[in-house]
PDB file of all heavy atoms in Angstrom:
ATOM      1  N   GLU A   1       0.801  -1.233  -0.027  1.00  0.00           N
ATOM      2  CA  GLU A   1       0.042   0.007  -0.014  1.00  0.00           C
ATOM      3  C   GLU A   1       0.834   1.239   0.063  1.00  0.00           C
ATOM      4  O   GLU A   1       0.466   2.291  -0.559  1.00  0.00           O
ATOM      5  CB  GLU A   1      -0.948  -0.021   1.200  1.00  0.00           C
ATOM      6  CG  GLU A   1      -2.082  -1.053   1.176  1.00  0.00           C
ATOM      7  CD  GLU A   1      -1.565  -2.322   1.818  1.00  0.00           C
ATOM      8  OE1 GLU A   1      -0.300  -2.487   2.174  1.00  0.00           O
ATOM      9  OE2 GLU A   1      -2.434  -3.188   2.021  1.00  0.00           O
ATOM     10  N   HIS A   2       2.007   1.131   0.602  1.00  0.00           N
ATOM     11  CA  HIS A   2       2.895   2.325   0.579  1.00  0.00           C
ATOM     12  C   HIS A   2       3.398   2.708  -0.768  1.00  0.00           C
ATOM     13  O   HIS A   2       3.652   3.860  -1.101  1.00  0.00           O
ATOM     14  CB  HIS A   2       4.062   2.145   1.623  1.00  0.00           C
ATOM     15  CG  HIS A   2       3.650   2.249   3.118  1.00  0.00           C
ATOM     16  ND1 HIS A   2       4.498   2.014   4.065  1.00  0.00           N
ATOM     17  CD2 HIS A   2       2.377   2.428   3.622  1.00  0.00           C
ATOM     18  CE1 HIS A   2       3.808   2.122   5.232  1.00  0.00           C
ATOM     19  NE2 HIS A   2       2.598   2.433   4.977  1.00  0.00           N
ATOM     20  N   ALA A   3       3.689   1.716  -1.528  1.00  0.00           N
ATOM     21  CA  ALA A   3       4.194   1.984  -2.944  1.00  0.00           C
ATOM     22  C   ALA A   3       3.051   2.576  -3.660  1.00  0.00           C
ATOM     23  O   ALA A   3       3.318   3.556  -4.467  1.00  0.00           O
ATOM     24  CB  ALA A   3       4.594   0.553  -3.541  1.00  0.00           C
ATOM     25  N   LEU A   4       1.840   2.195  -3.511  1.00  0.00           N
ATOM     26  CA  LEU A   4       0.725   2.826  -4.170  1.00  0.00           C
ATOM     27  C   LEU A   4       0.567   4.252  -3.740  1.00  0.00           C
ATOM     28  O   LEU A   4       0.230   5.082  -4.546  1.00  0.00           O
ATOM     29  CB  LEU A   4      -0.606   1.949  -3.905  1.00  0.00           C
ATOM     30  CG  LEU A   4      -0.545   0.645  -4.643  1.00  0.00           C
ATOM     31  CD1 LEU A   4      -1.798  -0.152  -4.071  1.00  0.00           C
ATOM     32  CD2 LEU A   4      -0.600   0.627  -6.101  1.00  0.00           C
ATOM     33  N   ALA A   5       0.624   4.473  -2.375  1.00  0.00           N
ATOM     34  CA  ALA A   5       0.394   5.789  -1.890  1.00  0.00           C
ATOM     35  C   ALA A   5       1.472   6.724  -2.400  1.00  0.00           C
ATOM     36  O   ALA A   5       1.113   7.989  -2.571  1.00  0.00           O
ATOM     37  CB  ALA A   5       0.388   5.755  -0.316  1.00  0.00           C
ATOM     38  N   LEU A   6       2.594   6.270  -2.569  1.00  0.00           N
ATOM     39  CA  LEU A   6       3.730   7.148  -2.990  1.00  0.00           C
ATOM     40  C   LEU A   6       3.674   7.315  -4.555  1.00  0.00           C
ATOM     41  O   LEU A   6       4.409   8.231  -5.060  1.00  0.00           O
ATOM     42  CB  LEU A   6       5.033   6.525  -2.616  1.00  0.00           C
ATOM     43  CG  LEU A   6       6.310   7.308  -2.776  1.00  0.00           C
ATOM     44  CD1 LEU A   6       6.188   8.570  -1.891  1.00  0.00           C
ATOM     45  CD2 LEU A   6       7.512   6.582  -2.276  1.00  0.00           C
ATOM     46  N   GLY A   7       2.791   6.690  -5.263  1.00  0.00           N
ATOM     47  CA  GLY A   7       2.803   6.691  -6.702  1.00  0.00           C
ATOM     48  C   GLY A   7       4.093   6.220  -7.280  1.00  0.00           C
ATOM     49  O   GLY A   7       4.698   6.796  -8.247  1.00  0.00           O
ATOM     50  N   ALA A   8       4.596   5.096  -6.665  1.00  0.00           N
ATOM     51  CA  ALA A   8       5.986   4.774  -7.041  1.00  0.00           C
ATOM     52  C   ALA A   8       5.914   3.624  -8.056  1.00  0.00           C
ATOM     53  O   ALA A   8       4.906   2.777  -8.044  1.00  0.00           O
ATOM     54  CB  ALA A   8       6.699   4.258  -5.760  1.00  0.00           C
ATOM     55  N   ASP A   9       6.950   3.374  -8.719  1.00  0.00           N
ATOM     56  CA  ASP A   9       7.170   2.022  -9.427  1.00  0.00           C
ATOM     57  C   ASP A   9       7.642   1.030  -8.390  1.00  0.00           C
ATOM     58  O   ASP A   9       8.103   1.369  -7.261  1.00  0.00           O
ATOM     59  CB  ASP A   9       8.389   2.229 -10.455  1.00  0.00           C
ATOM     60  CG  ASP A   9       7.917   2.930 -11.666  1.00  0.00           C
ATOM     61  OD1 ASP A   9       6.728   3.134 -11.903  1.00  0.00           O
ATOM     62  OD2 ASP A   9       8.785   3.236 -12.469  1.00  0.00           O
ATOM     63  N   ALA A  10       7.257  -0.228  -8.614  1.00  0.00           N
ATOM     64  CA  ALA A  10       7.609  -1.289  -7.711  1.00  0.00           C
ATOM     65  C   ALA A  10       8.698  -2.075  -8.268  1.00  0.00           C
ATOM     66  O   ALA A  10       8.828  -2.359  -9.498  1.00  0.00           O
ATOM     67  CB  ALA A  10       6.301  -2.156  -7.414  1.00  0.00           C
ATOM     68  N   LEU A  11       9.549  -2.642  -7.393  1.00  0.00           N
ATOM     69  CA  LEU A  11      10.745  -3.484  -7.755  1.00  0.00           C
ATOM     70  C   LEU A  11      10.725  -4.605  -6.733  1.00  0.00           C
ATOM     71  O   LEU A  11      10.971  -4.303  -5.609  1.00  0.00           O
ATOM     72  CB  LEU A  11      12.019  -2.665  -7.761  1.00  0.00           C
ATOM     73  CG  LEU A  11      13.310  -3.473  -8.150  1.00  0.00           C
ATOM     74  CD1 LEU A  11      13.242  -3.849  -9.654  1.00  0.00           C
ATOM     75  CD2 LEU A  11      14.450  -2.511  -8.035  1.00  0.00           C
ATOM     76  N   LEU A  12      10.502  -5.781  -7.134  1.00  0.00           N
ATOM     77  CA  LEU A  12      10.363  -6.997  -6.301  1.00  0.00           C
ATOM     78  C   LEU A  12      11.589  -7.931  -6.385  1.00  0.00           C
ATOM     79  O   LEU A  12      12.057  -8.219  -7.551  1.00  0.00           O
ATOM     80  CB  LEU A  12       9.076  -7.747  -6.684  1.00  0.00           C
ATOM     81  CG  LEU A  12       7.814  -7.022  -6.829  1.00  0.00           C
ATOM     82  CD1 LEU A  12       6.638  -7.969  -7.062  1.00  0.00           C
ATOM     83  CD2 LEU A  12       7.596  -6.053  -5.752  1.00  0.00           C
ATOM     84  N   ILE A  13      12.164  -8.211  -5.207  1.00  0.00           N
ATOM     85  CA  ILE A  13      13.246  -9.130  -5.156  1.00  0.00           C
ATOM     86  C   ILE A  13      12.680 -10.540  -4.865  1.00  0.00           C
ATOM     87  O   ILE A  13      12.046 -10.795  -3.961  1.00  0.00           O
ATOM     88  CB  ILE A  13      14.247  -8.902  -4.068  1.00  0.00           C
ATOM     89  CG1 ILE A  13      14.911  -7.503  -4.235  1.00  0.00           C
ATOM     90  CG2 ILE A  13      15.322  -9.910  -4.006  1.00  0.00           C
ATOM     91  CD1 ILE A  13      15.937  -7.079  -3.132  1.00  0.00           C
ATOM     92  N   GLN A  14      12.830 -11.452  -5.884  1.00  0.00           N
ATOM     93  CA  GLN A  14      12.313 -12.757  -5.889  1.00  0.00           C
ATOM     94  C   GLN A  14      13.247 -13.786  -6.395  1.00  0.00           C
ATOM     95  O   GLN A  14      13.722 -13.686  -7.542  1.00  0.00           O
ATOM     96  CB  GLN A  14      10.932 -12.860  -6.603  1.00  0.00           C
ATOM     97  CG  GLN A  14      11.039 -12.402  -8.078  1.00  0.00           C
ATOM     98  CD  GLN A  14       9.808 -12.594  -8.771  1.00  0.00           C
ATOM     99  OE1 GLN A  14       8.775 -12.896  -8.270  1.00  0.00           O
ATOM    100  NE2 GLN A  14       9.805 -12.370 -10.149  1.00  0.00           N
ATOM    101  N   ARG A  15      13.535 -14.847  -5.509  1.00  0.00           N
ATOM    102  CA  ARG A  15      14.398 -15.947  -6.058  1.00  0.00           C
ATOM    103  C   ARG A  15      15.657 -15.384  -6.660  1.00  0.00           C
ATOM    104  O   ARG A  15      15.993 -15.856  -7.865  1.00  0.00           O
ATOM    105  CB  ARG A  15      13.598 -16.890  -6.859  1.00  0.00           C
ATOM    106  CG  ARG A  15      12.480 -17.482  -6.186  1.00  0.00           C
ATOM    107  CD  ARG A  15      11.741 -18.531  -7.045  1.00  0.00           C
ATOM    108  NE  ARG A  15      10.615 -19.136  -6.379  1.00  0.00           N
ATOM    109  CZ  ARG A  15       9.760 -19.976  -6.978  1.00  0.00           C
ATOM    110  NH1 ARG A  15       9.867 -20.290  -8.216  1.00  0.00           N
ATOM    111  NH2 ARG A  15       8.768 -20.569  -6.320  1.00  0.00           N
ATOM    112  N   HIS A  16      16.382 -14.568  -5.989  1.00  0.00           N
ATOM    113  CA  HIS A  16      17.704 -14.097  -6.530  1.00  0.00           C
ATOM    114  C   HIS A  16      17.560 -13.223  -7.768  1.00  0.00           C
ATOM    115  O   HIS A  16      18.608 -12.872  -8.367  1.00  0.00           O
ATOM    116  CB  HIS A  16      18.619 -15.234  -6.789  1.00  0.00           C
ATOM    117  CG  HIS A  16      18.845 -16.183  -5.721  1.00  0.00           C
ATOM    118  ND1 HIS A  16      19.632 -15.806  -4.550  1.00  0.00           N
ATOM    119  CD2 HIS A  16      18.366 -17.360  -5.383  1.00  0.00           C
ATOM    120  CE1 HIS A  16      19.522 -16.798  -3.676  1.00  0.00           C
ATOM    121  NE2 HIS A  16      18.866 -17.766  -4.164  1.00  0.00           N
ATOM    122  N   GLY A  17      16.356 -12.805  -8.102  1.00  0.00           N
ATOM    123  CA  GLY A  17      16.143 -11.925  -9.249  1.00  0.00           C
ATOM    124  C   GLY A  17      15.259 -10.884  -9.039  1.00  0.00           C
ATOM    125  O   GLY A  17      14.690 -10.697  -7.851  1.00  0.00           O
ATOM    126  N   LEU A  18      14.857 -10.106 -10.025  1.00  0.00           N
ATOM    127  CA  LEU A  18      14.058  -8.961  -9.788  1.00  0.00           C
ATOM    128  C   LEU A  18      12.758  -9.157 -10.744  1.00  0.00           C
ATOM    129  O   LEU A  18      12.852  -9.688 -11.812  1.00  0.00           O
ATOM    130  CB  LEU A  18      14.669  -7.621 -10.186  1.00  0.00           C
ATOM    131  CG  LEU A  18      15.900  -7.158  -9.343  1.00  0.00           C
ATOM    132  CD1 LEU A  18      16.424  -5.952  -9.909  1.00  0.00           C
ATOM    133  CD2 LEU A  18      15.378  -6.946  -7.923  1.00  0.00           C
ATOM    134  N   ALA A  19      11.597  -8.649 -10.249  1.00  0.00           N
ATOM    135  CA  ALA A  19      10.458  -8.297 -11.027  1.00  0.00           C
ATOM    136  C   ALA A  19      10.247  -6.950 -11.097  1.00  0.00           C
ATOM    137  O   ALA A  19      10.169  -6.236 -10.031  1.00  0.00           O
ATOM    138  CB  ALA A  19       9.248  -9.119 -10.466  1.00  0.00           C
ATOM    139  N   GLY A  20      10.148  -6.415 -12.300  1.00  0.00           N
ATOM    140  CA  GLY A  20      10.041  -4.887 -12.439  1.00  0.00           C
ATOM    141  C   GLY A  20      11.290  -4.258 -12.743  1.00  0.00           C
ATOM    142  O   GLY A  20      12.361  -4.996 -13.139  1.00  0.00           O
ATOM    143  N   PRO A  21      11.451  -2.936 -12.634  1.00  0.00           N
ATOM    144  CA  PRO A  21      10.455  -2.058 -12.093  1.00  0.00           C
ATOM    145  C   PRO A  21       9.252  -1.840 -13.087  1.00  0.00           C
ATOM    146  O   PRO A  21       9.471  -1.946 -14.304  1.00  0.00           O
ATOM    147  CB  PRO A  21      11.167  -0.732 -11.833  1.00  0.00           C
ATOM    148  CG  PRO A  21      12.381  -0.815 -12.822  1.00  0.00           C
ATOM    149  CD  PRO A  21      12.805  -2.230 -12.956  1.00  0.00           C
ATOM    150  N   ALA A  22       8.161  -1.544 -12.472  1.00  0.00           N
ATOM    151  CA  ALA A  22       6.976  -1.284 -13.258  1.00  0.00           C
ATOM    152  C   ALA A  22       6.015  -0.556 -12.342  1.00  0.00           C
ATOM    153  O   ALA A  22       6.129  -0.599 -11.063  1.00  0.00           O
ATOM    154  CB  ALA A  22       6.292  -2.630 -13.662  1.00  0.00           C
ATOM    155  N   PRO A  23       5.058   0.102 -12.834  1.00  0.00           N
ATOM    156  CA  PRO A  23       4.010   0.925 -12.061  1.00  0.00           C
ATOM    157  C   PRO A  23       3.413  -0.013 -11.049  1.00  0.00           C
ATOM    158  O   PRO A  23       2.984  -1.202 -11.443  1.00  0.00           O
ATOM    159  CB  PRO A  23       3.033   1.372 -13.013  1.00  0.00           C
ATOM    160  CG  PRO A  23       3.917   1.550 -14.283  1.00  0.00           C
ATOM    161  CD  PRO A  23       4.783   0.429 -14.338  1.00  0.00           C
ATOM    162  N   SER A  24       3.323   0.411  -9.762  1.00  0.00           N
ATOM    163  CA  SER A  24       2.784  -0.314  -8.680  1.00  0.00           C
ATOM    164  C   SER A  24       1.458  -1.004  -9.033  1.00  0.00           C
ATOM    165  O   SER A  24       1.137  -2.188  -8.750  1.00  0.00           O
ATOM    166  CB  SER A  24       2.750   0.442  -7.449  1.00  0.00           C
ATOM    167  OG  SER A  24       3.995   0.807  -7.099  1.00  0.00           O
ATOM    168  N   GLU A  25       0.620  -0.244  -9.742  1.00  0.00           N
ATOM    169  CA  GLU A  25      -0.791  -0.647 -10.039  1.00  0.00           C
ATOM    170  C   GLU A  25      -0.721  -1.888 -10.917  1.00  0.00           C
ATOM    171  O   GLU A  25      -1.646  -2.639 -10.884  1.00  0.00           O
ATOM    172  CB  GLU A  25      -1.574   0.416 -10.635  1.00  0.00           C
ATOM    173  CG  GLU A  25      -1.848   1.604  -9.766  1.00  0.00           C
ATOM    174  CD  GLU A  25      -0.647   2.698  -9.725  1.00  0.00           C
ATOM    175  OE1 GLU A  25       0.359   2.401 -10.362  1.00  0.00           O
ATOM    176  OE2 GLU A  25      -0.785   3.660  -9.079  1.00  0.00           O
ATOM    177  N   GLN A  26       0.266  -2.004 -11.781  1.00  0.00           N
ATOM    178  CA  GLN A  26       0.361  -3.122 -12.638  1.00  0.00           C
ATOM    179  C   GLN A  26       1.088  -4.333 -12.054  1.00  0.00           C
ATOM    180  O   GLN A  26       0.622  -5.470 -12.240  1.00  0.00           O
ATOM    181  CB  GLN A  26       1.176  -2.722 -14.012  1.00  0.00           C
ATOM    182  CG  GLN A  26       0.478  -1.610 -14.752  1.00  0.00           C
ATOM    183  CD  GLN A  26       1.411  -1.144 -15.882  1.00  0.00           C
ATOM    184  OE1 GLN A  26       2.355  -1.907 -16.263  1.00  0.00           O
ATOM    185  NE2 GLN A  26       1.072   0.028 -16.488  1.00  0.00           N
ATOM    186  N   LEU A  27       2.123  -3.988 -11.296  1.00  0.00           N
ATOM    187  CA  LEU A  27       2.961  -5.093 -10.787  1.00  0.00           C
ATOM    188  C   LEU A  27       2.432  -5.853  -9.547  1.00  0.00           C
ATOM    189  O   LEU A  27       2.617  -6.926  -9.309  1.00  0.00           O
ATOM    190  CB  LEU A  27       4.394  -4.638 -10.516  1.00  0.00           C
ATOM    191  CG  LEU A  27       5.508  -5.662 -10.252  1.00  0.00           C
ATOM    192  CD1 LEU A  27       5.550  -6.685 -11.361  1.00  0.00           C
ATOM    193  CD2 LEU A  27       6.794  -4.935  -9.941  1.00  0.00           C
ATOM    194  N   LEU A  28       1.777  -5.051  -8.611  1.00  0.00           N
ATOM    195  CA  LEU A  28       1.427  -5.568  -7.296  1.00  0.00           C
ATOM    196  C   LEU A  28       0.084  -6.262  -7.415  1.00  0.00           C
ATOM    197  O   LEU A  28      -1.010  -5.635  -7.085  1.00  0.00           O
ATOM    198  CB  LEU A  28       1.364  -4.351  -6.298  1.00  0.00           C
ATOM    199  CG  LEU A  28       2.699  -3.764  -6.080  1.00  0.00           C
ATOM    200  CD1 LEU A  28       2.606  -2.532  -5.065  1.00  0.00           C
ATOM    201  CD2 LEU A  28       3.817  -4.695  -5.654  1.00  0.00           C
ATOM    202  N   GLN A  29       0.135  -7.461  -7.912  1.00  0.00           N
ATOM    203  CA  GLN A  29      -1.037  -8.313  -8.091  1.00  0.00           C
ATOM    204  C   GLN A  29      -0.922  -9.487  -7.112  1.00  0.00           C
ATOM    205  O   GLN A  29       0.103  -9.939  -6.652  1.00  0.00           O
ATOM    206  CB  GLN A  29      -1.155  -8.721  -9.481  1.00  0.00           C
ATOM    207  CG  GLN A  29      -1.162  -7.607 -10.531  1.00  0.00           C
ATOM    208  CD  GLN A  29      -2.456  -6.716 -10.368  1.00  0.00           C
ATOM    209  OE1 GLN A  29      -3.532  -7.224 -10.042  1.00  0.00           O
ATOM    210  NE2 GLN A  29      -2.275  -5.458 -10.695  1.00  0.00           N
ATOM    211  N   SER A  30      -2.197 -10.060  -6.804  1.00  0.00           N
ATOM    212  CA  SER A  30      -2.284 -11.197  -5.900  1.00  0.00           C
ATOM    213  C   SER A  30      -1.331 -12.274  -6.074  1.00  0.00           C
ATOM    214  O   SER A  30      -0.610 -12.750  -5.212  1.00  0.00           O
ATOM    215  CB  SER A  30      -3.770 -11.594  -5.823  1.00  0.00           C
ATOM    216  OG  SER A  30      -4.652 -10.507  -5.477  1.00  0.00           O
ATOM    217  N   GLU A  31      -1.288 -12.837  -7.433  1.00  0.00           N
ATOM    218  CA  GLU A  31      -0.481 -13.944  -7.663  1.00  0.00           C
ATOM    219  C   GLU A  31       0.945 -13.712  -7.458  1.00  0.00           C
ATOM    220  O   GLU A  31       1.652 -14.511  -6.788  1.00  0.00           O
ATOM    221  CB  GLU A  31      -0.746 -14.456  -9.087  1.00  0.00           C
ATOM    222  CG  GLU A  31      -0.038 -15.653  -9.464  1.00  0.00           C
ATOM    223  CD  GLU A  31      -0.340 -16.166 -10.841  1.00  0.00           C
ATOM    224  OE1 GLU A  31      -1.340 -15.527 -11.495  1.00  0.00           O
ATOM    225  OE2 GLU A  31       0.358 -17.049 -11.383  1.00  0.00           O
ATOM    226  N   LEU A  32       1.558 -12.604  -7.794  1.00  0.00           N
ATOM    227  CA  LEU A  32       2.931 -12.380  -7.707  1.00  0.00           C
ATOM    228  C   LEU A  32       3.247 -12.122  -6.269  1.00  0.00           C
ATOM    229  O   LEU A  32       4.246 -12.605  -5.777  1.00  0.00           O
ATOM    230  CB  LEU A  32       3.240 -11.116  -8.580  1.00  0.00           C
ATOM    231  CG  LEU A  32       4.772 -10.769  -8.728  1.00  0.00           C
ATOM    232  CD1 LEU A  32       5.564 -11.993  -9.149  1.00  0.00           C
ATOM    233  CD2 LEU A  32       4.997  -9.618  -9.638  1.00  0.00           C
ATOM    234  N   LEU A  33       2.480 -11.308  -5.583  1.00  0.00           N
ATOM    235  CA  LEU A  33       2.806 -11.080  -4.109  1.00  0.00           C
ATOM    236  C   LEU A  33       2.628 -12.401  -3.305  1.00  0.00           C
ATOM    237  O   LEU A  33       3.412 -12.590  -2.365  1.00  0.00           O
ATOM    238  CB  LEU A  33       1.774 -10.015  -3.551  1.00  0.00           C
ATOM    239  CG  LEU A  33       2.085  -8.582  -4.008  1.00  0.00           C
ATOM    240  CD1 LEU A  33       0.969  -7.709  -3.498  1.00  0.00           C
ATOM    241  CD2 LEU A  33       3.450  -8.135  -3.603  1.00  0.00           C
ATOM    242  N   SER A  34       1.741 -13.265  -3.583  1.00  0.00           N
ATOM    243  CA  SER A  34       1.607 -14.541  -2.934  1.00  0.00           C
ATOM    244  C   SER A  34       2.922 -15.373  -3.148  1.00  0.00           C
ATOM    245  O   SER A  34       3.353 -16.048  -2.242  1.00  0.00           O
ATOM    246  CB  SER A  34       0.397 -15.320  -3.437  1.00  0.00           C
ATOM    247  OG  SER A  34      -0.835 -14.596  -3.200  1.00  0.00           O
ATOM    248  N   SER A  35       3.323 -15.349  -4.385  1.00  0.00           N
ATOM    249  CA  SER A  35       4.585 -16.122  -4.638  1.00  0.00           C
ATOM    250  C   SER A  35       5.834 -15.475  -3.933  1.00  0.00           C
ATOM    251  O   SER A  35       6.697 -16.166  -3.405  1.00  0.00           O
ATOM    252  CB  SER A  35       4.779 -16.196  -6.099  1.00  0.00           C
ATOM    253  OG  SER A  35       6.134 -16.722  -6.430  1.00  0.00           O
ATOM    254  N   LEU A  36       5.836 -14.128  -3.897  1.00  0.00           N
ATOM    255  CA  LEU A  36       6.925 -13.399  -3.276  1.00  0.00           C
ATOM    256  C   LEU A  36       7.114 -13.738  -1.841  1.00  0.00           C
ATOM    257  O   LEU A  36       8.194 -13.962  -1.324  1.00  0.00           O
ATOM    258  CB  LEU A  36       6.806 -12.025  -3.539  1.00  0.00           C
ATOM    259  CG  LEU A  36       7.830 -10.992  -3.095  1.00  0.00           C
ATOM    260  CD1 LEU A  36       9.051 -11.149  -3.917  1.00  0.00           C
ATOM    261  CD2 LEU A  36       7.425  -9.481  -3.022  1.00  0.00           C
ATOM    262  N   TYR A  37       5.920 -13.667  -1.128  1.00  0.00           N
ATOM    263  CA  TYR A  37       5.999 -13.825   0.384  1.00  0.00           C
ATOM    264  C   TYR A  37       5.650 -15.241   0.844  1.00  0.00           C
ATOM    265  O   TYR A  37       5.571 -15.539   2.068  1.00  0.00           O
ATOM    266  CB  TYR A  37       5.063 -12.849   0.971  1.00  0.00           C
ATOM    267  CG  TYR A  37       5.557 -11.429   0.878  1.00  0.00           C
ATOM    268  CD1 TYR A  37       4.944 -10.527   0.001  1.00  0.00           C
ATOM    269  CD2 TYR A  37       6.723 -11.013   1.596  1.00  0.00           C
ATOM    270  CE1 TYR A  37       5.412  -9.210  -0.106  1.00  0.00           C
ATOM    271  CE2 TYR A  37       7.164  -9.793   1.483  1.00  0.00           C
ATOM    272  CZ  TYR A  37       6.565  -8.810   0.622  1.00  0.00           C
ATOM    273  OH  TYR A  37       7.004  -7.530   0.469  1.00  0.00           O
ATOM    274  N   GLY A  38       5.343 -16.227  -0.071  1.00  0.00           N
ATOM    275  CA  GLY A  38       5.030 -17.548   0.319  1.00  0.00           C
ATOM    276  C   GLY A  38       3.834 -17.771   1.134  1.00  0.00           C
ATOM    277  O   GLY A  38       3.751 -18.606   1.928  1.00  0.00           O
ATOM    278  N   THR A  39       2.834 -16.904   0.865  1.00  0.00           N
ATOM    279  CA  THR A  39       1.537 -17.030   1.665  1.00  0.00           C
ATOM    280  C   THR A  39       0.507 -16.471   0.634  1.00  0.00           C
ATOM    281  O   THR A  39       0.720 -15.394  -0.018  1.00  0.00           O
ATOM    282  CB  THR A  39       1.562 -16.339   2.947  1.00  0.00           C
ATOM    283  OG1 THR A  39       0.311 -16.734   3.627  1.00  0.00           O
ATOM    284  CG2 THR A  39       1.601 -14.885   2.852  1.00  0.00           C
ATOM    285  N   PRO A  40      -0.788 -16.959   0.673  1.00  0.00           N
ATOM    286  CA  PRO A  40      -1.920 -16.313  -0.209  1.00  0.00           C
ATOM    287  C   PRO A  40      -2.110 -14.914   0.218  1.00  0.00           C
ATOM    288  O   PRO A  40      -2.487 -14.671   1.407  1.00  0.00           O
ATOM    289  CB  PRO A  40      -3.072 -17.279   0.070  1.00  0.00           C
ATOM    290  CG  PRO A  40      -2.430 -18.593   0.643  1.00  0.00           C
ATOM    291  CD  PRO A  40      -1.255 -18.206   1.367  1.00  0.00           C
ATOM    292  N   ILE A  41      -2.069 -14.066  -0.719  1.00  0.00           N
ATOM    293  CA  ILE A  41      -2.346 -12.657  -0.562  1.00  0.00           C
ATOM    294  C   ILE A  41      -3.457 -12.194  -1.551  1.00  0.00           C
ATOM    295  O   ILE A  41      -3.286 -12.516  -2.812  1.00  0.00           O
ATOM    296  CB  ILE A  41      -1.142 -11.777  -0.704  1.00  0.00           C
ATOM    297  CG1 ILE A  41      -0.222 -12.119   0.435  1.00  0.00           C
ATOM    298  CG2 ILE A  41      -1.496 -10.283  -0.614  1.00  0.00           C
ATOM    299  CD1 ILE A  41       1.125 -11.410   0.350  1.00  0.00           C
ATOM    300  N   GLU A  42      -4.462 -11.560  -1.135  1.00  0.00           N
ATOM    301  CA  GLU A  42      -5.495 -11.084  -2.008  1.00  0.00           C
ATOM    302  C   GLU A  42      -5.453  -9.562  -2.077  1.00  0.00           C
ATOM    303  O   GLU A  42      -5.486  -8.923  -1.046  1.00  0.00           O
ATOM    304  CB  GLU A  42      -6.857 -11.552  -1.535  1.00  0.00           C
ATOM    305  CG  GLU A  42      -8.106 -11.193  -2.343  1.00  0.00           C
ATOM    306  CD  GLU A  42      -7.951 -12.008  -3.740  1.00  0.00           C
ATOM    307  OE1 GLU A  42      -7.429 -13.140  -3.745  1.00  0.00           O
ATOM    308  OE2 GLU A  42      -8.520 -11.501  -4.731  1.00  0.00           O
ATOM    309  N   ALA A  43      -5.524  -9.042  -3.359  1.00  0.00           N
ATOM    310  CA  ALA A  43      -5.609  -7.634  -3.537  1.00  0.00           C
ATOM    311  C   ALA A  43      -7.120  -7.217  -3.651  1.00  0.00           C
ATOM    312  O   ALA A  43      -7.845  -7.834  -4.492  1.00  0.00           O
ATOM    313  CB  ALA A  43      -4.941  -7.234  -4.898  1.00  0.00           C
ATOM    314  N   VAL A  44      -7.525  -6.395  -2.783  1.00  0.00           N
ATOM    315  CA  VAL A  44      -8.958  -5.973  -2.518  1.00  0.00           C
ATOM    316  C   VAL A  44      -9.150  -4.563  -2.882  1.00  0.00           C
ATOM    317  O   VAL A  44      -8.419  -3.821  -2.278  1.00  0.00           O
ATOM    318  CB  VAL A  44      -9.398  -6.373  -1.168  1.00  0.00           C
ATOM    319  CG1 VAL A  44     -10.960  -6.094  -1.066  1.00  0.00           C
ATOM    320  CG2 VAL A  44      -9.286  -7.925  -0.907  1.00  0.00           C
TER     321      VAL A  44
END
């Protein structure tokens, strides 16, 4: 939510690599965040 509030691009560190950077609204989706943190996350 802080990335969205800042109007920032998001850059995700996942499995020794990166996803992004891309606009937060596009990149921060349920499936990718669930994989990133290893737990089901729902974007509401």
